[in-house]
């Protein structure tokens, strides 16, 4: 009887550990992250939108069709449709909308919540231009670490597929710190 209980308890513990390893997220507690965006260029960006999400959620992806909500942000300079789409998407943990432009050579800082295994996507659309600077599903730092990323420039092509613009320089430096 003791041996059977021991084997059952061992198997149950293994399943819990394997489940945590398979999801990559040992806990389901949202943690705060500080995001600092530095505009390194002389371009003004309209609404800056960021979201923490699981790997199952997609905000944009190079080579895939741009969503109607992303097109709306780029053509109408309004974030409402993209914010609504993100808030209703499975796997999204928190959405942040700046509510103000990020002007040339300025900095924007905010706090966003996410699971320790979450990813962050960010979109900043230049005013009056269908291009945007973005980060696509980058891993949030773990263990009180800081990570620095440089956003690439993207634009929908003639068929609305998102393409990276390799001929242009990076305009946004994004620093993410686990609080």
C-alpha atoms as a PDB file:
ATOM      1  CA  UNK A   1       0.000   0.000   0.000  1.00  0.00           C
ATOM      2  CA  UNK A   2       2.806   2.408   0.913  1.00  0.00           C
ATOM      3  CA  UNK A   3       4.613   1.641  -2.345  1.00  0.00           C
ATOM      4  CA  UNK A   4       1.447   2.270  -4.425  1.00  0.00           C
ATOM      5  CA  UNK A   5       0.832   5.638  -2.700  1.00  0.00           C
ATOM      6  CA  UNK A   6       4.492   6.612  -3.232  1.00  0.00           C
ATOM      7  CA  UNK A   7       4.350   5.732  -6.941  1.00  0.00           C
ATOM      8  CA  UNK A   8       1.051   7.618  -7.373  1.00  0.00           C
ATOM      9  CA  UNK A   9       2.436  10.722  -5.610  1.00  0.00           C
ATOM     10  CA  UNK A  10       5.639  10.563  -7.695  1.00  0.00           C
ATOM     11  CA  UNK A  11       3.684  10.335 -10.950  1.00  0.00           C
ATOM     12  CA  UNK A  12       1.446  13.247  -9.906  1.00  0.00           C
ATOM     13  CA  UNK A  13       4.497  15.400  -9.097  1.00  0.00           C
ATOM     14  CA  UNK A  14       6.097  14.502 -12.446  1.00  0.00           C
ATOM     15  CA  UNK A  15       2.939  15.549 -14.290  1.00  0.00           C
ATOM     16  CA  UNK A  16       2.889  18.912 -12.489  1.00  0.00           C
ATOM     17  CA  UNK A  17       6.570  19.542 -13.302  1.00  0.00           C
ATOM     18  CA  UNK A  18       6.118  18.438 -16.917  1.00  0.00           C
ATOM     19  CA  UNK A  19       3.050  20.662 -17.250  1.00  0.00           C
ATOM     20  CA  UNK A  20       4.999  23.679 -16.015  1.00  0.00           C
ATOM     21  CA  UNK A  21       7.865  22.864 -18.390  1.00  0.00           C
ATOM     22  CA  UNK A  22       5.528  22.418 -21.351  1.00  0.00           C
ATOM     23  CA  UNK A  23       3.796  25.754 -20.806  1.00  0.00           C
ATOM     24  CA  UNK A  24       7.124  27.399 -19.971  1.00  0.00           C
ATOM     25  CA  UNK A  25       5.407  29.313 -17.219  1.00  0.00           C
ATOM     26  CA  UNK A  26       5.826  27.962 -13.696  1.00  0.00           C
ATOM     27  CA  UNK A  27       3.381  30.427 -12.191  1.00  0.00           C
ATOM     28  CA  UNK A  28       0.256  32.248 -13.259  1.00  0.00           C
ATOM     29  CA  UNK A  29       0.991  35.530 -11.492  1.00  0.00           C
ATOM     30  CA  UNK A  30       1.238  38.709 -13.564  1.00  0.00           C
ATOM     31  CA  UNK A  31       4.419  40.631 -12.804  1.00  0.00           C
ATOM     32  CA  UNK A  32       5.238  44.286 -13.567  1.00  0.00           C
ATOM     33  CA  UNK A  33       7.727  45.289 -16.250  1.00  0.00           C
ATOM     34  CA  UNK A  34       8.976  48.801 -16.962  1.00  0.00           C
ATOM     35  CA  UNK A  35       9.193  49.597 -20.677  1.00  0.00           C
ATOM     36  CA  UNK A  36      11.212  52.617 -21.810  1.00  0.00           C
ATOM     37  CA  UNK A  37      10.976  53.652 -25.457  1.00  0.00           C
ATOM     38  CA  UNK A  38      13.529  56.129 -26.774  1.00  0.00           C
ATOM     39  CA  UNK A  39      12.785  57.828 -30.089  1.00  0.00           C
ATOM     40  CA  UNK A  40      16.244  58.080 -31.669  1.00  0.00           C
ATOM     41  CA  UNK A  41      15.084  59.829 -34.821  1.00  0.00           C
ATOM     42  CA  UNK A  42      13.334  62.954 -36.003  1.00  0.00           C
ATOM     43  CA  UNK A  43      10.094  61.116 -36.831  1.00  0.00           C
ATOM     44  CA  UNK A  44       7.001  61.600 -34.666  1.00  0.00           C
ATOM     45  CA  UNK A  45       5.024  58.456 -33.890  1.00  0.00           C
ATOM     46  CA  UNK A  46       1.299  58.456 -33.236  1.00  0.00           C
ATOM     47  CA  UNK A  47      -0.223  56.080 -30.700  1.00  0.00           C
ATOM     48  CA  UNK A  48       2.247  53.654 -29.219  1.00  0.00           C
ATOM     49  CA  UNK A  49       0.578  50.330 -28.369  1.00  0.00           C
ATOM     50  CA  UNK A  50       2.135  47.448 -26.458  1.00  0.00           C
ATOM     51  CA  UNK A  51       0.698  44.113 -25.357  1.00  0.00           C
ATOM     52  CA  UNK A  52       1.943  41.238 -23.250  1.00  0.00           C
ATOM     53  CA  UNK A  53       0.709  37.901 -24.510  1.00  0.00           C
ATOM     54  CA  UNK A  54       1.286  34.181 -24.804  1.00  0.00           C
ATOM     55  CA  UNK A  55       3.037  32.765 -27.834  1.00  0.00           C
ATOM     56  CA  UNK A  56      -0.392  31.760 -29.199  1.00  0.00           C
ATOM     57  CA  UNK A  57      -1.397  35.413 -29.702  1.00  0.00           C
ATOM     58  CA  UNK A  58      -0.124  37.342 -32.725  1.00  0.00           C
ATOM     59  CA  UNK A  59      -0.136  41.131 -32.930  1.00  0.00           C
ATOM     60  CA  UNK A  60       1.655  41.219 -36.288  1.00  0.00           C
ATOM     61  CA  UNK A  61       4.032  38.892 -38.044  1.00  0.00           C
ATOM     62  CA  UNK A  62       6.401  39.587 -40.916  1.00  0.00           C
ATOM     63  CA  UNK A  63       5.180  37.891 -44.087  1.00  0.00           C
ATOM     64  CA  UNK A  64       1.586  37.591 -42.874  1.00  0.00           C
ATOM     65  CA  UNK A  65      -1.372  39.796 -43.735  1.00  0.00           C
ATOM     66  CA  UNK A  66      -1.735  42.944 -41.674  1.00  0.00           C
ATOM     67  CA  UNK A  67      -4.965  42.973 -39.687  1.00  0.00           C
ATOM     68  CA  UNK A  68      -7.683  45.506 -40.452  1.00  0.00           C
ATOM     69  CA  UNK A  69      -7.028  46.964 -36.985  1.00  0.00           C
ATOM     70  CA  UNK A  70      -3.331  47.526 -37.804  1.00  0.00           C
ATOM     71  CA  UNK A  71      -4.218  49.071 -41.175  1.00  0.00           C
ATOM     72  CA  UNK A  72      -6.635  51.387 -39.335  1.00  0.00           C
ATOM     73  CA  UNK A  73      -3.831  52.527 -37.027  1.00  0.00           C
ATOM     74  CA  UNK A  74      -1.537  53.224 -39.963  1.00  0.00           C
ATOM     75  CA  UNK A  75      -4.015  54.955 -42.259  1.00  0.00           C
ATOM     76  CA  UNK A  76      -6.281  56.765 -39.792  1.00  0.00           C
ATOM     77  CA  UNK A  77      -3.797  57.351 -36.938  1.00  0.00           C
ATOM     78  CA  UNK A  78      -6.283  55.952 -34.438  1.00  0.00           C
ATOM     79  CA  UNK A  79      -5.545  53.061 -32.089  1.00  0.00           C
ATOM     80  CA  UNK A  80      -9.134  52.249 -31.109  1.00  0.00           C
ATOM     81  CA  UNK A  81      -9.610  49.294 -33.488  1.00  0.00           C
ATOM     82  CA  UNK A  82      -6.223  47.772 -32.625  1.00  0.00           C
ATOM     83  CA  UNK A  83      -6.771  48.252 -28.897  1.00  0.00           C
ATOM     84  CA  UNK A  84     -10.206  46.580 -29.128  1.00  0.00           C
ATOM     85  CA  UNK A  85      -8.790  43.698 -31.188  1.00  0.00           C
ATOM     86  CA  UNK A  86      -5.973  43.103 -28.701  1.00  0.00           C
ATOM     87  CA  UNK A  87      -8.264  43.264 -25.678  1.00  0.00           C
ATOM     88  CA  UNK A  88     -10.536  40.585 -27.189  1.00  0.00           C
ATOM     89  CA  UNK A  89      -7.693  38.292 -28.320  1.00  0.00           C
ATOM     90  CA  UNK A  90      -7.096  35.016 -26.458  1.00  0.00           C
ATOM     91  CA  UNK A  91      -3.712  34.936 -24.740  1.00  0.00           C
ATOM     92  CA  UNK A  92      -3.345  38.705 -24.322  1.00  0.00           C
ATOM     93  CA  UNK A  93      -2.531  39.585 -20.724  1.00  0.00           C
ATOM     94  CA  UNK A  94      -2.432  43.397 -20.787  1.00  0.00           C
ATOM     95  CA  UNK A  95      -2.654  46.149 -23.389  1.00  0.00           C
ATOM     96  CA  UNK A  96      -1.016  49.559 -23.002  1.00  0.00           C
ATOM     97  CA  UNK A  97      -1.931  52.556 -25.177  1.00  0.00           C
ATOM     98  CA  UNK A  98       0.153  55.720 -24.761  1.00  0.00           C
ATOM     99  CA  UNK A  99      -2.658  58.114 -25.694  1.00  0.00           C
ATOM    100  CA  UNK A 100      -0.158  60.683 -26.939  1.00  0.00           C
ATOM    101  CA  UNK A 101       2.425  60.932 -29.716  1.00  0.00           C
ATOM    102  CA  UNK A 102       6.037  59.982 -29.115  1.00  0.00           C
ATOM    103  CA  UNK A 103       7.780  63.038 -30.500  1.00  0.00           C
ATOM    104  CA  UNK A 104      11.233  63.205 -32.051  1.00  0.00           C
ATOM    105  CA  UNK A 105      14.167  62.543 -29.698  1.00  0.00           C
ATOM    106  CA  UNK A 106      11.875  61.983 -26.690  1.00  0.00           C
ATOM    107  CA  UNK A 107      11.283  59.094 -24.293  1.00  0.00           C
ATOM    108  CA  UNK A 108       8.140  57.297 -23.163  1.00  0.00           C
ATOM    109  CA  UNK A 109       8.086  55.079 -20.072  1.00  0.00           C
ATOM    110  CA  UNK A 110       5.279  52.877 -18.769  1.00  0.00           C
ATOM    111  CA  UNK A 111       4.617  49.770 -16.689  1.00  0.00           C
ATOM    112  CA  UNK A 112       2.866  46.733 -18.125  1.00  0.00           C
ATOM    113  CA  UNK A 113       1.901  43.438 -16.478  1.00  0.00           C
ATOM    114  CA  UNK A 114       2.780  40.031 -17.896  1.00  0.00           C
ATOM    115  CA  UNK A 115       3.437  36.443 -16.942  1.00  0.00           C
ATOM    116  CA  UNK A 116       7.138  35.593 -16.478  1.00  0.00           C
ATOM    117  CA  UNK A 117       6.988  33.465 -19.642  1.00  0.00           C
ATOM    118  CA  UNK A 118       5.080  36.070 -21.687  1.00  0.00           C
ATOM    119  CA  UNK A 119       6.076  37.925 -24.798  1.00  0.00           C
ATOM    120  CA  UNK A 120       5.739  41.608 -25.586  1.00  0.00           C
ATOM    121  CA  UNK A 121       4.751  43.099 -28.922  1.00  0.00           C
ATOM    122  CA  UNK A 122       4.915  46.804 -29.648  1.00  0.00           C
ATOM    123  CA  UNK A 123       3.700  48.988 -32.489  1.00  0.00           C
ATOM    124  CA  UNK A 124       4.417  52.678 -33.043  1.00  0.00           C
ATOM    125  CA  UNK A 125       2.951  54.111 -36.235  1.00  0.00           C
ATOM    126  CA  UNK A 126       4.503  57.258 -37.715  1.00  0.00           C
ATOM    127  CA  UNK A 127       1.967  60.020 -38.217  1.00  0.00           C
ATOM    128  CA  UNK A 128       0.863  60.310 -41.846  1.00  0.00           C
ATOM    129  CA  UNK A 129       2.890  57.317 -43.029  1.00  0.00           C
ATOM    130  CA  UNK A 130       1.795  53.687 -43.462  1.00  0.00           C
ATOM    131  CA  UNK A 131       5.095  52.472 -41.973  1.00  0.00           C
ATOM    132  CA  UNK A 132       5.454  51.494 -38.331  1.00  0.00           C
ATOM    133  CA  UNK A 133       8.203  50.596 -35.911  1.00  0.00           C
ATOM    134  CA  UNK A 134       7.578  47.334 -34.141  1.00  0.00           C
ATOM    135  CA  UNK A 135       8.747  44.495 -31.978  1.00  0.00           C
ATOM    136  CA  UNK A 136       7.117  41.157 -32.704  1.00  0.00           C
ATOM    137  CA  UNK A 137       6.703  38.759 -29.771  1.00  0.00           C
ATOM    138  CA  UNK A 138       9.930  39.330 -27.853  1.00  0.00           C
ATOM    139  CA  UNK A 139      10.516  37.398 -24.632  1.00  0.00           C
ATOM    140  CA  UNK A 140      10.100  39.370 -21.409  1.00  0.00           C
ATOM    141  CA  UNK A 141      13.207  39.345 -19.175  1.00  0.00           C
ATOM    142  CA  UNK A 142      13.346  37.009 -16.204  1.00  0.00           C
ATOM    143  CA  UNK A 143      15.051  37.321 -12.823  1.00  0.00           C
ATOM    144  CA  UNK A 144      15.145  41.116 -12.426  1.00  0.00           C
ATOM    145  CA  UNK A 145      17.045  41.409 -15.693  1.00  0.00           C
ATOM    146  CA  UNK A 146      17.004  44.192 -18.272  1.00  0.00           C
ATOM    147  CA  UNK A 147      16.869  43.656 -22.023  1.00  0.00           C
ATOM    148  CA  UNK A 148      17.381  46.197 -24.794  1.00  0.00           C
ATOM    149  CA  UNK A 149      15.848  45.865 -28.263  1.00  0.00           C
ATOM    150  CA  UNK A 150      15.807  48.029 -31.373  1.00  0.00           C
ATOM    151  CA  UNK A 151      12.489  48.153 -33.177  1.00  0.00           C
ATOM    152  CA  UNK A 152      12.518  47.420 -36.892  1.00  0.00           C
ATOM    153  CA  UNK A 153      10.529  49.397 -39.420  1.00  0.00           C
ATOM    154  CA  UNK A 154       7.724  47.541 -41.161  1.00  0.00           C
ATOM    155  CA  UNK A 155       5.067  48.390 -43.731  1.00  0.00           C
ATOM    156  CA  UNK A 156       2.220  46.543 -45.397  1.00  0.00           C
ATOM    157  CA  UNK A 157       3.060  45.853 -49.054  1.00  0.00           C
ATOM    158  CA  UNK A 158       0.616  46.061 -51.987  1.00  0.00           C
ATOM    159  CA  UNK A 159      -1.100  42.848 -50.859  1.00  0.00           C
ATOM    160  CA  UNK A 160      -1.140  43.971 -47.177  1.00  0.00           C
ATOM    161  CA  UNK A 161       1.536  41.492 -46.100  1.00  0.00           C
ATOM    162  CA  UNK A 162       3.802  42.963 -43.414  1.00  0.00           C
ATOM    163  CA  UNK A 163       7.368  43.474 -44.676  1.00  0.00           C
ATOM    164  CA  UNK A 164      10.495  44.603 -42.837  1.00  0.00           C
ATOM    165  CA  UNK A 165      12.089  47.668 -44.421  1.00  0.00           C
ATOM    166  CA  UNK A 166      15.758  46.774 -44.483  1.00  0.00           C
ATOM    167  CA  UNK A 167      16.913  49.999 -46.137  1.00  0.00           C
ATOM    168  CA  UNK A 168      15.844  52.214 -43.239  1.00  0.00           C
ATOM    169  CA  UNK A 169      17.540  52.776 -39.913  1.00  0.00           C
ATOM    170  CA  UNK A 170      16.200  51.838 -36.506  1.00  0.00           C
ATOM    171  CA  UNK A 171      14.401  54.689 -34.773  1.00  0.00           C
ATOM    172  CA  UNK A 172      13.283  53.197 -31.447  1.00  0.00           C
ATOM    173  CA  UNK A 173      15.349  51.708 -28.633  1.00  0.00           C
ATOM    174  CA  UNK A 174      13.157  49.696 -26.230  1.00  0.00           C
ATOM    175  CA  UNK A 175      14.419  48.776 -22.773  1.00  0.00           C
ATOM    176  CA  UNK A 176      12.426  46.290 -20.702  1.00  0.00           C
ATOM    177  CA  UNK A 177      13.163  45.762 -17.020  1.00  0.00           C
ATOM    178  CA  UNK A 178      11.502  43.280 -14.709  1.00  0.00           C
ATOM    179  CA  UNK A 179      10.516  45.207 -11.593  1.00  0.00           C
END
